[in-house]
C-alpha atoms as a PDB file:
ATOM      1  CA  UNK A   1      13.068  -6.382  -3.644  1.00  0.00           C
ATOM      2  CA  UNK A   2       9.533  -3.906  -4.064  1.00  0.00           C
ATOM      3  CA  UNK A   3       6.322  -5.105  -2.079  1.00  0.00           C
ATOM      4  CA  UNK A   4       3.137  -4.041  -3.115  1.00  0.00           C
ATOM      5  CA  UNK A   5       0.677  -5.539  -0.798  1.00  0.00           C
ATOM      6  CA  UNK A   6      -2.466  -4.377   0.553  1.00  0.00           C
ATOM      7  CA  UNK A   7      -3.993  -5.090   3.880  1.00  0.00           C
ATOM      8  CA  UNK A   8      -3.950  -8.764   4.865  1.00  0.00           C
ATOM      9  CA  UNK A   9      -1.935 -11.638   3.514  1.00  0.00           C
ATOM     10  CA  UNK A  10      -1.940 -11.957  -0.399  1.00  0.00           C
ATOM     11  CA  UNK A  11      -0.124 -14.775  -2.410  1.00  0.00           C
ATOM     12  CA  UNK A  12       2.925 -12.924  -4.087  1.00  0.00           C
ATOM     13  CA  UNK A  13       5.246 -13.929  -6.720  1.00  0.00           C
ATOM     14  CA  UNK A  14       8.208 -11.971  -8.717  1.00  0.00           C
ATOM     15  CA  UNK A  15       7.828 -10.298 -11.565  1.00  0.00           C
ATOM     16  CA  UNK A  16       9.544  -8.043 -13.938  1.00  0.00           C
ATOM     17  CA  UNK A  17       9.257  -4.505 -14.287  1.00  0.00           C
ATOM     18  CA  UNK A  18      10.814  -2.878 -17.233  1.00  0.00           C
ATOM     19  CA  UNK A  19      11.751   0.925 -17.108  1.00  0.00           C
ATOM     20  CA  UNK A  20      11.599   3.587 -19.952  1.00  0.00           C
ATOM     21  CA  UNK A  21      15.078   3.232 -20.509  1.00  0.00           C
ATOM     22  CA  UNK A  22      14.589  -0.700 -21.231  1.00  0.00           C
ATOM     23  CA  UNK A  23      16.465  -2.077 -17.617  1.00  0.00           C
ATOM     24  CA  UNK A  24      14.578  -4.854 -16.286  1.00  0.00           C
ATOM     25  CA  UNK A  25      14.286  -5.124 -12.368  1.00  0.00           C
ATOM     26  CA  UNK A  26      12.658  -7.567 -10.332  1.00  0.00           C
ATOM     27  CA  UNK A  27       9.440  -6.895  -8.226  1.00  0.00           C
ATOM     28  CA  UNK A  28       7.434  -8.777  -5.990  1.00  0.00           C
ATOM     29  CA  UNK A  29       3.718  -8.199  -6.535  1.00  0.00           C
ATOM     30  CA  UNK A  30       0.195  -9.619  -5.546  1.00  0.00           C
ATOM     31  CA  UNK A  31      -0.367 -12.367  -8.104  1.00  0.00           C
ATOM     32  CA  UNK A  32      -3.851 -11.066  -9.065  1.00  0.00           C
ATOM     33  CA  UNK A  33      -1.925  -7.876 -10.172  1.00  0.00           C
ATOM     34  CA  UNK A  34       1.486  -8.966 -11.643  1.00  0.00           C
ATOM     35  CA  UNK A  35      -0.348 -12.010 -13.148  1.00  0.00           C
ATOM     36  CA  UNK A  36      -3.169  -9.875 -14.864  1.00  0.00           C
ATOM     37  CA  UNK A  37      -1.700  -9.189 -18.522  1.00  0.00           C
ATOM     38  CA  UNK A  38      -3.199  -5.813 -18.717  1.00  0.00           C
ATOM     39  CA  UNK A  39      -0.824  -4.399 -16.367  1.00  0.00           C
ATOM     40  CA  UNK A  40       2.213  -5.393 -18.393  1.00  0.00           C
ATOM     41  CA  UNK A  41       4.447  -7.557 -15.976  1.00  0.00           C
ATOM     42  CA  UNK A  42       5.831 -10.876 -17.187  1.00  0.00           C
ATOM     43  CA  UNK A  43       6.766 -13.673 -14.366  1.00  0.00           C
ATOM     44  CA  UNK A  44      10.227 -13.803 -13.276  1.00  0.00           C
ATOM     45  CA  UNK A  45      11.104 -17.407 -14.260  1.00  0.00           C
ATOM     46  CA  UNK A  46      14.807 -17.374 -13.578  1.00  0.00           C
ATOM     47  CA  UNK A  47      17.009 -15.729 -10.643  1.00  0.00           C
ATOM     48  CA  UNK A  48      17.755 -12.211 -11.401  1.00  0.00           C
ATOM     49  CA  UNK A  49      19.746 -10.420  -8.801  1.00  0.00           C
ATOM     50  CA  UNK A  50      18.631  -6.798  -9.947  1.00  0.00           C
ATOM     51  CA  UNK A  51      15.566  -5.974  -7.735  1.00  0.00           C
ATOM     52  CA  UNK A  52      14.214  -2.164  -8.266  1.00  0.00           C
ATOM     53  CA  UNK A  53      16.450   0.263  -6.690  1.00  0.00           C
ATOM     54  CA  UNK A  54      15.146   1.718  -3.453  1.00  0.00           C
ATOM     55  CA  UNK A  55      14.732   5.452  -4.549  1.00  0.00           C
ATOM     56  CA  UNK A  56      13.112   4.133  -7.897  1.00  0.00           C
ATOM     57  CA  UNK A  57       9.342   4.556  -7.969  1.00  0.00           C
ATOM     58  CA  UNK A  58       7.593   2.348 -10.734  1.00  0.00           C
ATOM     59  CA  UNK A  59       5.354   4.181 -13.175  1.00  0.00           C
ATOM     60  CA  UNK A  60       1.559   3.694 -12.270  1.00  0.00           C
ATOM     61  CA  UNK A  61      -1.879   4.747 -12.768  1.00  0.00           C
ATOM     62  CA  UNK A  62      -4.775   6.069 -10.365  1.00  0.00           C
ATOM     63  CA  UNK A  63      -7.884   4.374 -11.364  1.00  0.00           C
ATOM     64  CA  UNK A  64     -11.609   5.348  -9.696  1.00  0.00           C
ATOM     65  CA  UNK A  65     -13.907   2.390  -9.178  1.00  0.00           C
ATOM     66  CA  UNK A  66     -16.868   2.636 -11.473  1.00  0.00           C
ATOM     67  CA  UNK A  67     -20.065   3.375  -9.203  1.00  0.00           C
ATOM     68  CA  UNK A  68     -18.292   3.333  -6.149  1.00  0.00           C
ATOM     69  CA  UNK A  69     -15.857   5.557  -3.708  1.00  0.00           C
ATOM     70  CA  UNK A  70     -12.753   3.646  -3.971  1.00  0.00           C
ATOM     71  CA  UNK A  71      -9.660   5.060  -5.718  1.00  0.00           C
ATOM     72  CA  UNK A  72      -6.544   3.221  -6.119  1.00  0.00           C
ATOM     73  CA  UNK A  73      -2.993   3.246  -7.666  1.00  0.00           C
ATOM     74  CA  UNK A  74      -1.839   0.146  -9.671  1.00  0.00           C
ATOM     75  CA  UNK A  75       1.921  -0.171 -11.083  1.00  0.00           C
ATOM     76  CA  UNK A  76       2.291  -0.619 -14.707  1.00  0.00           C
ATOM     77  CA  UNK A  77       5.272  -3.216 -15.757  1.00  0.00           C
ATOM     78  CA  UNK A  78       5.810  -1.660 -19.455  1.00  0.00           C
ATOM     79  CA  UNK A  79       5.276   1.480 -20.980  1.00  0.00           C
ATOM     80  CA  UNK A  80       3.395  -0.311 -23.694  1.00  0.00           C
ATOM     81  CA  UNK A  81       0.971  -2.066 -21.007  1.00  0.00           C
ATOM     82  CA  UNK A  82      -2.328  -2.539 -22.542  1.00  0.00           C
ATOM     83  CA  UNK A  83      -3.976  -0.702 -19.557  1.00  0.00           C
ATOM     84  CA  UNK A  84      -2.639   2.322 -20.922  1.00  0.00           C
ATOM     85  CA  UNK A  85      -3.988   2.067 -24.316  1.00  0.00           C
ATOM     86  CA  UNK A  86      -7.276  -0.283 -24.096  1.00  0.00           C
ATOM     87  CA  UNK A  87     -10.708   1.287 -23.926  1.00  0.00           C
ATOM     88  CA  UNK A  88     -12.029   1.996 -20.566  1.00  0.00           C
ATOM     89  CA  UNK A  89     -13.101   1.122 -17.887  1.00  0.00           C
ATOM     90  CA  UNK A  90     -11.032  -2.171 -17.181  1.00  0.00           C
ATOM     91  CA  UNK A  91     -11.857  -4.808 -14.750  1.00  0.00           C
ATOM     92  CA  UNK A  92      -9.533  -5.782 -11.969  1.00  0.00           C
ATOM     93  CA  UNK A  93     -10.526  -8.589  -9.603  1.00  0.00           C
ATOM     94  CA  UNK A  94     -14.227  -8.483 -11.067  1.00  0.00           C
ATOM     95  CA  UNK A  95     -14.234  -4.641 -10.358  1.00  0.00           C
ATOM     96  CA  UNK A  96     -14.861  -2.047 -12.744  1.00  0.00           C
ATOM     97  CA  UNK A  97     -11.994   0.726 -12.694  1.00  0.00           C
ATOM     98  CA  UNK A  98     -11.786   3.825 -14.622  1.00  0.00           C
ATOM     99  CA  UNK A  99      -8.107   5.614 -15.615  1.00  0.00           C
ATOM    100  CA  UNK A 100      -7.889   8.822 -14.037  1.00  0.00           C
ATOM    101  CA  UNK A 101      -4.097   9.792 -13.621  1.00  0.00           C
ATOM    102  CA  UNK A 102      -0.934   8.450 -15.079  1.00  0.00           C
ATOM    103  CA  UNK A 103       2.177   8.661 -12.669  1.00  0.00           C
ATOM    104  CA  UNK A 104       5.657   8.427 -14.614  1.00  0.00           C
ATOM    105  CA  UNK A 105       8.516   6.429 -13.021  1.00  0.00           C
ATOM    106  CA  UNK A 106      11.099   8.531 -11.145  1.00  0.00           C
ATOM    107  CA  UNK A 107      14.317   8.198  -9.154  1.00  0.00           C
END
């Protein structure tokens, strides 16, 4: 299982990541990220044995905080996620972010 946690303890849950080839894997994410529909993850409600292969990296976006100095990468659960097509900036955890970079998945 892939874990994307920052510093400190965060509540995490299992979510589904869909690859560009439509393979579905289970990943563990911070609830605020996985539960935010703009990132395209869906909750893992049933046990699924397939976790993301170790060498595979999820697609992600690089975002810059509006009016601030923070830069952060966010994983994106589906190629059709609204964060990739919505007007910018987007809001996550009450902070406005502007999309700066897209990194495709790779293995």
